[in-house]
Amino acid sequence: MSVNSFNPNHFGVPMPSRRRFVQGLVAAGAATQLGLLPSLGWALKSPDTPILLSGTEFDLAIGESLVNFSGRARTAVTVNGSLPAPLLRWREGTTVNVRVSNALPKGSVFGHETSIHWHGILLPANMDGVPGLSFSGIHTGETYQYRFALKQGGTYWYHSHSGFQEQAGLYGPLIIDPIEPEPFSFDRDYVVMLSDWTDMDPGRLFARLKKMPGYDNRYKRTLGDFLRDARRDGLAETIEDRKMWGAMRMTPTDLSDVNANTYTYLMNGTTSLGNWTGLFRSGEKVRLRFINGSSMTHFDVRIPGLKMTVVAADGQYVHPVTVDEFRIAAAETFDVIVEPTGQDAFTIFAQDLGRTGYVSGTLAVREGLRAPVPQVDARPILSMADMGHGGMDHAAMGHDMSGMDHAAMGHDMPGMLTHPPGEGSNPLVDMQTMAPTASLDDPGIGLRDNGRTVLSYAMLKSAFADPDGREPGREIELHLTGHMERFSWGFNGQKFADAEPLRLNYGERMRIVLVNDTMMTHPIHLHGMWSDLEDEQGNFLVRKHTVDMPPGTRRSYRVRADALGSWAYHCHLLYHMEAGMMRTVRVEE
């Protein structure tokens, strides 16, 4: 189906032209009352495009549109002319038919193939939308029909799994209304989708990361930092600290590969200047469905003056927990309830992990209002403890790291972790953690002891018992590995292209243990199956589809291999996945 043969009856409005101009910079994304639910407001605003599509029959056309988020027009990959893609609203227990057409022009810089992956949705493997596994992609001029039954409710999202199209704008929110009444009440319901945009061609950005991976790290420590640290910690300890980082050829300020030096951060497809606004009446309960649809960004979210009660994580109900702030990794979702009262406007503030920038929006009693926007927090600095090297003998550690004999470190030091043989003397591995911990009660670097109550994984407890109940029959341990200077990433020191698939037996209950041997935080996503995160004692904690792995952590989760076929398993930082941090998981009878 071409973009011009679109049937307007599915949305009630004509299809925007392929080159329709989306003025994201100046268009305020004001809340729109759609009248679809009594006393509920749905909001996801892209100017002059359908906001919400509901039912069971859908036509989605993937094409190109001009956008402007920085004062310069750029080409984006859009769905029905919209960035983000339209909010899809489904209902648990129904079967949806989604016809996705590739209307990208021939010779597009974004490629001739496209796809949509329904993130976190349980479905047959050939409906999962990952080209090269059980699906060949959607080529120019072709239409692919996704058809599957909905077995779950909650807040999810969808995005391309082809090249760098996700970075270029092909992502959108997805809400599945549950069959059973929800265990909490609310008066209004808003999606808050966070994302990162670059005016650069994403392929060029990837090439720059391969050549200059530290390009965006403009906050390296100076002589002034050394003198300040020496006064605080002592000269000898400060010199030893610098020696260790030097031996690893890394910097403790390198928290994210791409940040606001390259990115413009968006909230529901608009910048802070656009000021996406959700309306409320004083005393109402407002549900905010936060979705991190970014390619490379962890966001720390708070609403100054309001407590947030977390009621769902990755679409699944949790026992309510009230916090001031939470970190949301790429691909995660959190549903929160707020009760704004006492003032006319509140700022929704989302700053990046590296404290290089932010995006903000507003909750207000009427449009046009703003509340004060907080300053970005101080820049955090990684410590050796953050890297999983706490308690080590610094001199021995520095000596071994200068020799890069990481495997020997793992085997020679009593009580330290043993690493896979493939990591030793591997040019694609530049460090290994020696004493990893689960750190489930740690809110994360930059969030500790900040005077606010900050969410941690340990605070998340599913509102249901372990849905499987069996003890795992076997265990697979995988190490997240990489080399910062080469921008090479993988599992167990292997890139995706060199690794054999992980094979699971249909119906088995097994445990995956992840160890992060890098200095980066990696959100790990297993397609097609749930990841039931465990606590330090091996007890079921919370059901998720994406498990964030900070540096120096060792975390485990149970998986029920109840979905036949080939599935993607990868870091959800897009450029890490493209650089090799991905495996195929095959579930076989």
Protein backbone atom coordinates (compact mmCIF):
# COMPACT_ATOMS: atom_id res chain seq x y z
CA MET A 1 0.00 0.00 0.00
CA SER A 2 1.51 3.34 -0.95
CA VAL A 3 1.27 6.34 1.33
CA ASN A 4 -1.17 7.96 -1.12
CA SER A 5 -3.62 5.05 -1.15
CA PHE A 6 -4.31 5.37 2.55
CA ASN A 7 -7.93 4.79 3.61
CA PRO A 8 -8.95 7.75 5.81
CA ASN A 9 -11.83 5.86 7.42
CA HIS A 10 -9.57 4.14 9.91
CA PHE A 11 -8.75 7.43 11.59
CA GLY A 12 -11.51 9.74 10.41
CA VAL A 13 -8.99 12.16 8.91
CA PRO A 14 -6.99 12.15 5.69
CA MET A 15 -3.44 10.84 5.75
CA PRO A 16 -0.87 13.67 6.02
CA SER A 17 1.47 13.91 3.05
CA ARG A 18 4.80 12.12 3.30
CA ARG A 19 6.69 15.40 3.50
CA ARG A 20 4.38 17.05 6.00
CA PHE A 21 6.36 19.42 8.21
CA VAL A 22 6.25 18.64 11.94
CA GLN A 23 7.18 21.84 13.78
CA GLY A 24 8.25 20.20 17.03
CA LEU A 25 10.08 23.23 18.34
CA VAL A 26 7.29 25.76 18.46
CA ALA A 27 4.17 23.61 18.66
CA ALA A 28 3.06 23.35 22.25
CA GLY A 29 1.80 19.84 22.86
CA ALA A 30 -1.27 20.79 24.82
CA ALA A 31 -3.44 18.12 26.40
CA THR A 32 -6.40 17.15 24.25
CA GLN A 33 -9.62 15.78 25.71
CA LEU A 34 -10.75 13.08 23.30
CA GLY A 35 -13.93 12.04 25.07
CA LEU A 36 -13.03 8.37 24.67
CA LEU A 37 -13.33 7.54 28.35
CA PRO A 38 -15.55 9.22 30.92
CA SER A 39 -13.55 11.80 32.89
CA LEU A 40 -10.25 10.62 31.41
CA GLY A 41 -7.91 12.71 29.33
CA TRP A 42 -5.52 11.03 26.88
CA ALA A 43 -2.65 13.08 25.57
CA LEU A 44 0.08 12.54 23.05
CA LYS A 45 0.29 15.53 20.77
CA SER A 46 1.87 15.81 17.36
CA PRO A 47 0.34 18.76 15.51
CA ASP A 48 -2.46 18.00 13.05
CA THR A 49 -2.04 14.22 13.20
CA PRO A 50 -4.18 11.51 14.73
CA ILE A 51 -3.41 11.36 18.42
CA LEU A 52 -4.91 8.02 19.36
CA LEU A 53 -5.93 5.00 17.28
CA SER A 54 -8.10 2.37 18.94
CA GLY A 55 -9.93 -0.81 18.01
CA THR A 56 -8.63 -3.98 16.38
CA GLU A 57 -7.95 -2.92 12.78
CA PHE A 58 -5.04 -0.59 12.00
CA ASP A 59 -3.15 0.69 8.97
CA LEU A 60 0.26 2.16 9.68
CA ALA A 61 2.39 3.71 6.93
CA ILE A 62 6.09 4.17 7.62
CA GLY A 63 7.52 7.09 5.68
CA GLU A 64 9.58 10.24 5.95
CA SER A 65 8.58 13.66 7.30
CA LEU A 66 10.45 16.88 7.92
CA VAL A 67 10.82 17.81 11.59
CA ASN A 68 12.39 20.75 13.37
CA PHE A 69 13.52 20.39 16.98
CA SER A 70 16.62 22.57 16.89
CA GLY A 71 15.85 25.37 14.45
CA ARG A 72 16.93 23.29 11.46
CA ALA A 73 14.69 21.07 9.35
CA ARG A 74 15.66 17.43 9.27
CA THR A 75 14.17 14.23 7.86
CA ALA A 76 12.64 11.77 10.32
CA VAL A 77 11.12 8.31 9.98
CA THR A 78 7.48 8.64 10.98
CA VAL A 79 4.32 6.55 11.21
CA ASN A 80 1.31 8.10 9.49
CA GLY A 81 3.32 11.31 9.47
CA SER A 82 3.63 11.42 13.24
CA LEU A 83 6.59 11.57 15.63
CA PRO A 84 6.19 9.85 18.00
CA ALA A 85 4.09 7.33 16.13
CA PRO A 86 0.37 7.32 16.98
CA LEU A 87 -0.73 6.13 20.39
CA LEU A 88 -2.29 2.70 19.82
CA ARG A 89 -4.96 1.61 22.27
CA TRP A 90 -5.85 -2.06 22.36
CA ARG A 91 -7.85 -4.29 24.68
CA GLU A 92 -6.72 -7.45 26.40
CA GLY A 93 -8.48 -10.56 25.09
CA THR A 94 -8.99 -9.23 21.57
CA THR A 95 -7.05 -10.03 18.39
CA VAL A 96 -5.49 -7.09 16.56
CA ASN A 97 -4.72 -6.79 12.86
CA VAL A 98 -2.05 -4.21 12.08
CA ARG A 99 -1.15 -3.68 8.45
CA VAL A 100 2.24 -1.97 8.28
CA SER A 101 3.29 -0.50 4.94
CA ASN A 102 6.77 0.60 3.93
CA ALA A 103 6.30 3.98 2.28
CA LEU A 104 9.95 5.03 2.61
CA PRO A 105 11.12 6.56 -0.68
CA LYS A 106 13.51 4.58 -2.81
CA GLY A 107 17.08 5.45 -1.97
CA SER A 108 16.14 6.62 1.53
CA VAL A 109 19.14 7.13 3.80
CA PHE A 110 17.21 5.03 6.33
CA GLY A 111 17.27 1.96 4.09
CA HIS A 112 14.82 0.00 1.97
CA GLU A 113 13.59 -2.23 4.78
CA THR A 114 11.55 -1.40 7.84
CA SER A 115 9.85 -3.19 10.72
CA ILE A 116 7.87 -2.74 13.91
CA HIS A 117 8.68 -4.59 17.12
CA TRP A 118 5.95 -4.65 19.77
CA HIS A 119 8.11 -4.18 22.85
CA GLY A 120 7.13 -6.38 25.80
CA ILE A 121 4.17 -7.99 24.03
CA LEU A 122 3.71 -11.77 24.16
CA LEU A 123 3.09 -13.03 20.63
CA PRO A 124 4.25 -15.60 18.05
CA ALA A 125 7.86 -15.21 16.91
CA ASN A 126 6.91 -14.27 13.34
CA MET A 127 4.90 -11.33 14.73
CA ASP A 128 7.78 -9.97 16.83
CA GLY A 129 9.19 -7.79 14.05
CA VAL A 130 12.94 -8.45 14.14
CA PRO A 131 14.32 -8.85 10.61
CA GLY A 132 16.64 -11.79 10.17
CA LEU A 133 15.21 -13.99 12.91
CA SER A 134 11.71 -15.21 12.02
CA PHE A 135 10.74 -12.34 9.78
CA SER A 136 12.38 -10.93 6.65
CA GLY A 137 11.46 -7.29 7.19
CA ILE A 138 9.10 -5.06 5.19
CA HIS A 139 10.65 -3.87 1.96
CA THR A 140 9.83 -0.72 0.01
CA GLY A 141 6.25 -0.78 -1.28
CA GLU A 142 5.35 -3.90 0.72
CA THR A 143 2.77 -4.35 3.47
CA TYR A 144 3.12 -6.83 6.33
CA GLN A 145 0.15 -7.92 8.39
CA TYR A 146 0.73 -8.36 12.10
CA ARG A 147 -2.03 -10.42 13.67
CA PHE A 148 -1.96 -11.71 17.25
CA ALA A 149 -4.13 -12.16 20.32
CA LEU A 150 -3.55 -9.88 23.30
CA LYS A 151 -2.71 -11.81 26.46
CA GLN A 152 -1.86 -8.88 28.74
CA GLY A 153 -2.73 -5.35 29.70
CA GLY A 154 -0.65 -2.32 30.59
CA THR A 155 1.69 0.36 29.24
CA TYR A 156 4.06 -0.65 26.43
CA TRP A 157 5.53 0.81 23.26
CA TYR A 158 6.56 -0.08 19.73
CA HIS A 159 9.56 0.78 17.59
CA SER A 160 11.56 -0.18 14.53
CA HIS A 161 14.13 -2.97 14.71
CA SER A 162 15.68 -2.01 11.36
CA GLY A 163 18.97 -0.15 11.26
CA PHE A 164 18.84 3.18 13.05
CA GLN A 165 15.19 4.00 12.30
CA GLU A 166 14.29 4.01 15.99
CA GLN A 167 16.75 6.86 16.53
CA ALA A 168 15.26 8.69 13.56
CA GLY A 169 11.74 8.75 15.06
CA LEU A 170 10.08 5.38 14.53
CA TYR A 171 8.71 4.72 18.00
CA GLY A 172 5.31 5.15 19.62
CA PRO A 173 3.27 4.37 22.76
CA LEU A 174 1.00 1.38 23.15
CA ILE A 175 -1.69 0.99 25.80
CA ILE A 176 -3.58 -2.27 26.38
CA ASP A 177 -6.70 -1.90 28.50
CA PRO A 178 -6.99 -4.87 30.88
CA ILE A 179 -10.01 -7.13 31.10
CA GLU A 180 -10.12 -7.00 34.90
CA PRO A 181 -10.54 -3.72 36.80
CA GLU A 182 -7.25 -2.13 37.75
CA PRO A 183 -6.26 -2.13 41.44
CA PHE A 184 -6.07 1.67 41.65
CA SER A 185 -8.25 4.61 40.65
CA PHE A 186 -7.50 7.76 38.66
CA ASP A 187 -9.35 10.61 36.99
CA ARG A 188 -7.07 11.42 34.06
CA ASP A 189 -4.65 9.32 32.06
CA TYR A 190 -1.65 10.71 30.18
CA VAL A 191 1.22 9.18 28.26
CA VAL A 192 4.59 10.84 28.88
CA MET A 193 6.96 9.49 26.27
CA LEU A 194 10.61 10.51 26.63
CA SER A 195 13.07 10.27 23.76
CA ASP A 196 16.31 11.61 22.33
CA TRP A 197 16.68 13.27 18.94
CA THR A 198 19.77 14.10 16.90
CA ASP A 199 20.02 16.26 13.80
CA MET A 200 22.86 13.98 12.69
CA ASP A 201 22.21 11.09 10.39
CA PRO A 202 22.15 8.17 12.88
CA GLY A 203 24.50 6.16 10.68
CA ARG A 204 27.03 8.99 10.83
CA LEU A 205 26.62 9.17 14.59
CA PHE A 206 27.39 5.45 14.86
CA ALA A 207 30.48 5.91 12.69
CA ARG A 208 31.61 8.77 14.94
CA LEU A 209 31.16 6.57 18.01
CA LYS A 210 33.40 3.94 16.44
CA LYS A 211 36.11 6.54 15.68
CA MET A 212 35.70 8.94 18.62
CA PRO A 213 33.69 7.21 21.36
CA GLY A 214 34.52 9.95 23.88
CA TYR A 215 33.33 12.81 21.66
CA ASP A 216 30.46 13.80 23.97
CA ASN A 217 32.46 13.40 27.20
CA ARG A 218 33.40 17.07 27.62
CA TYR A 219 33.61 17.00 31.41
CA LYS A 220 36.89 15.19 32.03
CA ARG A 221 38.62 15.81 35.34
CA THR A 222 41.06 18.70 35.57
CA LEU A 223 44.00 19.73 37.75
CA GLY A 224 41.51 21.66 39.87
CA ASP A 225 39.56 18.44 40.44
CA PHE A 226 42.78 16.69 41.46
CA LEU A 227 43.66 19.36 44.01
CA ARG A 228 40.14 19.35 45.44
CA ASP A 229 40.13 15.55 45.73
CA ALA A 230 43.57 15.59 47.34
CA ARG A 231 42.37 18.00 50.01
CA ARG A 232 39.33 15.84 50.66
CA ASP A 233 40.78 12.32 50.37
CA GLY A 234 44.51 12.81 50.84
CA LEU A 235 47.28 13.03 48.26
CA ALA A 236 48.26 9.35 48.26
CA GLU A 237 44.71 8.08 47.80
CA THR A 238 44.01 10.61 45.06
CA ILE A 239 47.19 9.64 43.16
CA GLU A 240 46.26 5.96 43.50
CA ASP A 241 42.77 6.66 42.19
CA ARG A 242 44.14 8.45 39.13
CA LYS A 243 46.62 5.63 38.51
CA MET A 244 43.84 3.04 38.50
CA TRP A 245 41.71 4.98 36.03
CA GLY A 246 44.77 5.62 33.91
CA ALA A 247 45.66 1.93 33.90
CA MET A 248 42.17 1.14 32.62
CA ARG A 249 42.50 3.95 30.07
CA MET A 250 39.06 5.18 31.14
CA THR A 251 37.56 8.23 32.75
CA PRO A 252 35.09 8.28 35.67
CA THR A 253 33.08 11.02 33.95
CA ASP A 254 32.19 8.83 30.96
CA LEU A 255 28.63 7.96 31.99
CA SER A 256 26.92 7.87 28.60
CA ASP A 257 28.19 7.59 25.06
CA VAL A 258 25.82 10.20 23.62
CA ASN A 259 24.35 13.04 25.65
CA ALA A 260 22.91 16.55 25.34
CA ASN A 261 26.03 17.72 23.55
CA THR A 262 24.54 15.83 20.59
CA TYR A 263 20.94 15.16 21.59
CA THR A 264 17.80 17.24 21.95
CA TYR A 265 15.53 15.58 24.48
CA LEU A 266 11.82 15.31 23.73
CA MET A 267 8.65 14.77 25.75
CA ASN A 268 5.74 13.49 23.67
CA GLY A 269 7.48 14.70 20.54
CA THR A 270 8.21 18.26 21.64
CA THR A 271 11.07 20.10 23.27
CA SER A 272 11.09 21.88 26.62
CA LEU A 273 10.28 25.06 24.70
CA GLY A 274 7.20 23.35 23.27
CA ASN A 275 6.11 22.63 26.87
CA TRP A 276 3.90 19.56 26.58
CA THR A 277 1.05 20.20 29.02
CA GLY A 278 -1.35 17.83 30.75
CA LEU A 279 -4.38 19.45 32.33
CA PHE A 280 -5.81 18.65 35.75
CA ARG A 281 -8.34 19.91 38.29
CA SER A 282 -7.08 20.33 41.82
CA GLY A 283 -7.44 17.16 43.87
CA GLU A 284 -7.78 14.82 40.91
CA LYS A 285 -5.71 11.67 40.63
CA VAL A 286 -3.67 11.78 37.47
CA ARG A 287 -2.09 8.68 35.97
CA LEU A 288 1.14 9.34 34.09
CA ARG A 289 2.41 6.52 31.91
CA PHE A 290 6.14 7.17 31.51
CA ILE A 291 7.77 5.44 28.55
CA ASN A 292 11.45 5.78 27.74
CA GLY A 293 11.54 5.53 23.96
CA SER A 294 15.06 6.91 23.69
CA SER A 295 17.90 5.26 21.83
CA MET A 296 20.72 5.90 24.31
CA THR A 297 19.44 7.86 27.32
CA HIS A 298 18.61 7.04 30.92
CA PHE A 299 16.34 9.72 32.38
CA ASP A 300 15.91 10.69 36.04
CA VAL A 301 12.35 11.91 36.48
CA ARG A 302 10.73 14.01 39.17
CA ILE A 303 7.85 16.47 39.58
CA PRO A 304 8.95 19.04 42.18
CA GLY A 305 6.21 19.54 44.74
CA LEU A 306 4.50 16.21 44.02
CA LYS A 307 4.94 12.68 45.28
CA MET A 308 4.63 9.95 42.67
CA THR A 309 3.09 6.59 43.54
CA VAL A 310 4.46 3.88 41.25
CA VAL A 311 1.69 1.38 40.43
CA ALA A 312 3.11 -0.51 37.44
CA ALA A 313 6.51 -1.33 35.97
CA ASP A 314 6.92 -2.51 32.37
CA GLY A 315 3.16 -2.85 32.12
CA GLN A 316 2.78 -5.11 35.18
CA TYR A 317 1.15 -4.09 38.47
CA VAL A 318 3.39 -3.57 41.47
CA HIS A 319 2.53 -2.92 45.10
CA PRO A 320 2.21 0.87 45.22
CA VAL A 321 5.37 2.65 46.33
CA THR A 322 5.62 6.41 46.76
CA VAL A 323 8.77 8.25 45.68
CA ASP A 324 10.04 11.68 44.72
CA GLU A 325 12.12 10.49 41.77
CA PHE A 326 12.90 7.49 39.61
CA ARG A 327 15.45 6.49 36.99
CA ILE A 328 13.96 5.05 33.81
CA ALA A 329 16.27 3.15 31.47
CA ALA A 330 15.81 3.03 27.73
CA ALA A 331 12.79 0.79 26.95
CA GLU A 332 11.39 0.71 30.50
CA THR A 333 7.92 1.98 31.43
CA PHE A 334 6.61 3.17 34.81
CA ASP A 335 3.01 4.12 35.61
CA VAL A 336 2.63 6.60 38.46
CA ILE A 337 -0.30 8.30 40.17
CA VAL A 338 -0.01 11.94 41.27
CA GLU A 339 -2.50 14.17 43.06
CA PRO A 340 -1.70 17.76 42.12
CA THR A 341 -3.09 20.35 44.48
CA GLY A 342 -2.06 23.61 46.10
CA GLN A 343 -0.69 25.29 42.98
CA ASP A 344 -1.75 25.79 39.39
CA ALA A 345 1.26 24.23 37.64
CA PHE A 346 3.90 21.57 38.26
CA THR A 347 7.00 20.83 36.18
CA ILE A 348 7.63 17.30 34.89
CA PHE A 349 11.44 17.26 34.85
CA ALA A 350 13.55 14.55 33.20
CA GLN A 351 17.34 15.01 33.27
CA ASP A 352 19.81 12.65 31.67
CA LEU A 353 22.03 10.35 33.71
CA GLY A 354 25.17 12.31 32.84
CA ARG A 355 23.57 15.63 33.86
CA THR A 356 24.23 17.24 30.49
CA GLY A 357 20.65 18.23 29.72
CA TYR A 358 16.95 17.72 30.36
CA VAL A 359 13.46 17.92 28.94
CA SER A 360 10.49 19.35 30.81
CA GLY A 361 6.74 19.57 30.49
CA THR A 362 3.93 20.80 32.70
CA LEU A 363 0.87 19.64 34.61
CA ALA A 364 -1.43 22.66 34.84
CA VAL A 365 -5.00 23.74 35.51
CA ARG A 366 -5.04 25.53 32.15
CA GLU A 367 -2.85 25.82 29.11
CA GLY A 368 -0.06 28.36 28.93
CA LEU A 369 1.12 27.95 32.51
CA ARG A 370 4.59 26.92 33.61
CA ALA A 371 6.20 26.19 36.97
CA PRO A 372 9.86 26.81 37.82
CA VAL A 373 12.23 24.36 36.14
CA PRO A 374 14.93 23.02 38.49
CA GLN A 375 18.61 23.22 37.74
CA VAL A 376 20.26 20.09 36.41
CA ASP A 377 21.93 18.24 39.29
CA ALA A 378 25.69 18.20 39.78
CA ARG A 379 27.67 15.94 37.48
CA PRO A 380 28.25 12.52 39.12
CA ILE A 381 31.65 10.81 39.14
CA LEU A 382 32.10 7.05 38.92
CA SER A 383 34.06 5.42 41.73
CA MET A 384 35.91 2.11 41.77
CA ALA A 385 33.10 0.74 43.92
CA ASP A 386 30.65 1.71 41.15
CA MET A 387 32.73 -0.42 38.82
CA GLY A 388 32.48 -3.51 41.03
CA HIS A 389 36.03 -3.15 42.35
CA GLY A 390 35.14 -2.31 45.93
CA GLY A 391 37.48 -3.67 48.61
CA MET A 392 40.30 -4.57 46.23
CA ASP A 393 43.97 -3.94 46.86
CA HIS A 394 44.52 -0.88 44.74
CA ALA A 395 48.19 -1.46 44.00
CA ALA A 396 47.61 -5.03 42.84
CA MET A 397 44.63 -3.91 40.83
CA GLY A 398 46.54 -1.15 39.11
CA HIS A 399 49.39 -3.52 38.25
CA ASP A 400 47.12 -6.15 36.78
CA MET A 401 45.09 -3.65 34.80
CA SER A 402 48.15 -2.10 33.24
CA GLY A 403 48.99 -5.57 31.96
CA MET A 404 45.38 -6.09 30.82
CA ASP A 405 45.44 -9.66 32.16
CA HIS A 406 41.87 -9.56 33.32
CA ALA A 407 41.28 -13.28 33.26
CA ALA A 408 44.18 -13.82 35.64
CA MET A 409 42.67 -11.26 37.98
CA GLY A 410 39.48 -13.24 38.13
CA HIS A 411 41.21 -16.53 38.86
CA ASP A 412 44.07 -15.45 41.09
CA MET A 413 42.28 -13.33 43.66
CA PRO A 414 40.50 -15.33 46.36
CA GLY A 415 36.80 -14.62 46.59
CA MET A 416 36.75 -12.77 43.31
CA LEU A 417 34.54 -13.61 40.37
CA THR A 418 35.61 -16.14 37.75
CA HIS A 419 35.11 -14.86 34.23
CA PRO A 420 34.39 -16.76 31.01
CA PRO A 421 37.57 -17.94 29.25
CA GLY A 422 36.70 -15.92 26.15
CA GLU A 423 37.23 -12.67 28.05
CA GLY A 424 40.89 -13.26 28.84
CA SER A 425 43.39 -11.41 26.60
CA ASN A 426 40.48 -10.37 24.43
CA PRO A 427 40.98 -7.17 22.39
CA LEU A 428 37.23 -6.55 22.66
CA VAL A 429 37.29 -6.52 26.49
CA ASP A 430 38.88 -3.58 28.30
CA MET A 431 37.80 -4.32 31.89
CA GLN A 432 36.14 -6.82 34.18
CA THR A 433 34.34 -6.41 37.45
CA MET A 434 35.96 -8.24 40.36
CA ALA A 435 33.36 -8.06 43.13
CA PRO A 436 29.93 -7.49 41.57
CA THR A 437 26.82 -7.09 43.69
CA ALA A 438 23.11 -7.07 42.88
CA SER A 439 22.78 -3.49 44.20
CA LEU A 440 19.01 -3.76 43.92
CA ASP A 441 18.54 -1.21 46.71
CA ASP A 442 20.85 1.30 45.01
CA PRO A 443 18.97 4.03 43.10
CA GLY A 444 22.07 4.57 40.96
CA ILE A 445 24.97 6.93 40.50
CA GLY A 446 23.94 10.55 40.85
CA LEU A 447 20.80 9.67 42.83
CA ARG A 448 22.24 8.53 46.16
CA ASP A 449 21.71 10.71 49.21
CA ASN A 450 20.27 13.58 47.17
CA GLY A 451 17.65 14.44 49.80
CA ARG A 452 14.84 12.86 47.78
CA THR A 453 13.18 9.45 48.03
CA VAL A 454 14.39 7.69 44.90
CA LEU A 455 13.01 4.45 43.47
CA SER A 456 15.22 1.36 43.39
CA TYR A 457 14.53 -2.10 42.00
CA ALA A 458 14.36 -3.45 45.57
CA MET A 459 11.31 -1.25 46.15
CA LEU A 460 9.44 -2.80 43.22
CA LYS A 461 7.39 -5.86 44.17
CA SER A 462 4.94 -7.41 41.74
CA ALA A 463 1.34 -7.41 42.93
CA PHE A 464 1.19 -11.15 42.23
CA ALA A 465 3.17 -14.24 43.20
CA ASP A 466 5.70 -15.91 40.90
CA PRO A 467 3.45 -16.83 37.95
CA ASP A 468 5.41 -20.03 37.30
CA GLY A 469 6.25 -21.23 40.81
CA ARG A 470 8.92 -23.73 39.78
CA GLU A 471 12.54 -23.49 40.79
CA PRO A 472 14.81 -23.01 37.78
CA GLY A 473 16.11 -26.27 36.37
CA ARG A 474 19.34 -24.76 35.08
CA GLU A 475 21.30 -21.54 34.97
CA ILE A 476 23.03 -19.53 32.26
CA GLU A 477 25.54 -16.84 33.24
CA LEU A 478 26.37 -14.12 30.73
CA HIS A 479 28.84 -11.29 31.10
CA LEU A 480 28.19 -7.92 29.49
CA THR A 481 31.48 -6.92 27.91
CA GLY A 482 32.91 -4.12 25.86
CA HIS A 483 35.84 -1.98 24.88
CA MET A 484 35.25 1.74 25.27
CA GLU A 485 37.98 2.95 22.91
CA ARG A 486 36.94 0.55 20.15
CA PHE A 487 33.22 1.00 20.86
CA SER A 488 32.79 -2.75 20.69
CA TRP A 489 30.13 -4.47 22.80
CA GLY A 490 29.01 -8.04 23.36
CA PHE A 491 28.20 -10.91 25.68
CA ASN A 492 31.11 -12.96 27.09
CA GLY A 493 33.54 -11.07 24.88
CA GLN A 494 31.76 -12.05 21.67
CA LYS A 495 29.95 -9.88 19.17
CA PHE A 496 26.55 -10.93 17.87
CA ALA A 497 28.01 -12.04 14.53
CA ASP A 498 30.43 -14.45 16.24
CA ALA A 499 28.15 -15.94 18.89
CA GLU A 500 26.13 -19.13 18.83
CA PRO A 501 22.45 -18.86 19.80
CA LEU A 502 21.38 -19.53 23.36
CA ARG A 503 19.16 -22.60 23.25
CA LEU A 504 16.24 -23.04 25.64
CA ASN A 505 13.99 -26.07 25.93
CA TYR A 506 10.32 -25.30 25.42
CA GLY A 507 8.50 -25.15 28.73
CA GLU A 508 11.57 -25.10 30.97
CA ARG A 509 12.04 -22.69 33.85
CA MET A 510 15.59 -21.42 33.88
CA ARG A 511 17.67 -18.68 35.43
CA ILE A 512 19.72 -16.08 33.58
CA VAL A 513 22.52 -14.42 35.54
CA LEU A 514 23.97 -11.23 34.12
CA VAL A 515 27.30 -9.71 35.21
CA ASN A 516 28.18 -6.24 33.94
CA ASP A 517 31.91 -6.14 33.19
CA THR A 518 31.75 -2.68 31.62
CA MET A 519 31.62 0.86 32.99
CA MET A 520 28.36 1.57 31.18
CA THR A 521 24.78 0.90 32.30
CA HIS A 522 23.00 -1.55 29.98
CA PRO A 523 19.21 -2.14 29.87
CA ILE A 524 18.87 -5.77 28.73
CA HIS A 525 15.72 -6.88 26.90
CA LEU A 526 14.65 -10.45 26.17
CA HIS A 527 12.00 -10.64 23.45
CA GLY A 528 8.96 -12.88 23.68
CA MET A 529 9.23 -13.90 27.35
CA TRP A 530 9.08 -12.25 30.75
CA SER A 531 12.14 -11.64 32.89
CA ASP A 532 11.19 -12.34 36.52
CA LEU A 533 13.82 -10.46 38.51
CA GLU A 534 15.01 -12.11 41.73
CA ASP A 535 16.26 -10.58 44.96
CA GLU A 536 19.67 -11.44 46.44
CA GLN A 537 18.20 -14.57 48.06
CA GLY A 538 16.75 -15.85 44.79
CA ASN A 539 13.15 -14.94 45.62
CA PHE A 540 10.82 -13.56 42.95
CA LEU A 541 10.81 -9.77 43.14
CA VAL A 542 9.28 -8.11 40.08
CA ARG A 543 8.27 -9.07 36.54
CA LYS A 544 9.88 -6.98 33.81
CA HIS A 545 10.65 -7.05 30.09
CA THR A 546 13.80 -4.91 30.42
CA VAL A 547 16.34 -5.28 33.25
CA ASP A 548 18.75 -2.42 33.80
CA MET A 549 22.34 -3.42 34.59
CA PRO A 550 24.52 -0.69 36.13
CA PRO A 551 28.31 -1.12 36.12
CA GLY A 552 29.64 -3.69 38.57
CA THR A 553 26.30 -5.44 39.12
CA ARG A 554 25.32 -9.09 39.08
CA ARG A 555 21.57 -9.65 38.73
CA SER A 556 19.50 -12.74 38.07
CA TYR A 557 16.05 -13.43 36.75
CA ARG A 558 13.91 -16.42 35.91
CA VAL A 559 12.54 -17.11 32.46
CA ARG A 560 9.80 -19.52 31.42
CA ALA A 561 10.64 -20.66 27.91
CA ASP A 562 7.02 -20.71 26.75
CA ALA A 563 7.47 -19.14 23.30
CA LEU A 564 8.79 -21.26 20.43
CA GLY A 565 11.06 -19.73 17.84
CA SER A 566 14.01 -17.38 17.53
CA TRP A 567 14.09 -14.29 19.71
CA ALA A 568 16.35 -11.27 20.04
CA TYR A 569 18.18 -10.70 23.32
CA HIS A 570 20.10 -7.47 23.52
CA CYS A 571 21.12 -4.24 25.17
CA HIS A 572 18.46 -1.63 24.44
CA LEU A 573 21.01 1.12 23.96
CA LEU A 574 20.68 1.15 20.18
CA TYR A 575 24.31 1.72 19.29
CA HIS A 576 25.48 -0.92 21.78
CA MET A 577 23.16 -3.42 20.13
CA GLU A 578 24.38 -2.44 16.67
CA ALA A 579 27.98 -2.74 17.90
CA GLY A 580 27.47 -6.35 18.99
CA MET A 581 25.66 -6.60 22.36
CA MET A 582 22.98 -8.96 21.10
CA ARG A 583 22.33 -12.69 21.02
CA THR A 584 19.75 -14.96 19.44
CA VAL A 585 17.69 -17.05 21.86
CA ARG A 586 16.11 -20.15 20.36
CA VAL A 587 13.29 -21.92 22.16
CA GLU A 588 13.04 -25.46 20.78
CA GLU A 589 10.95 -28.53 21.52
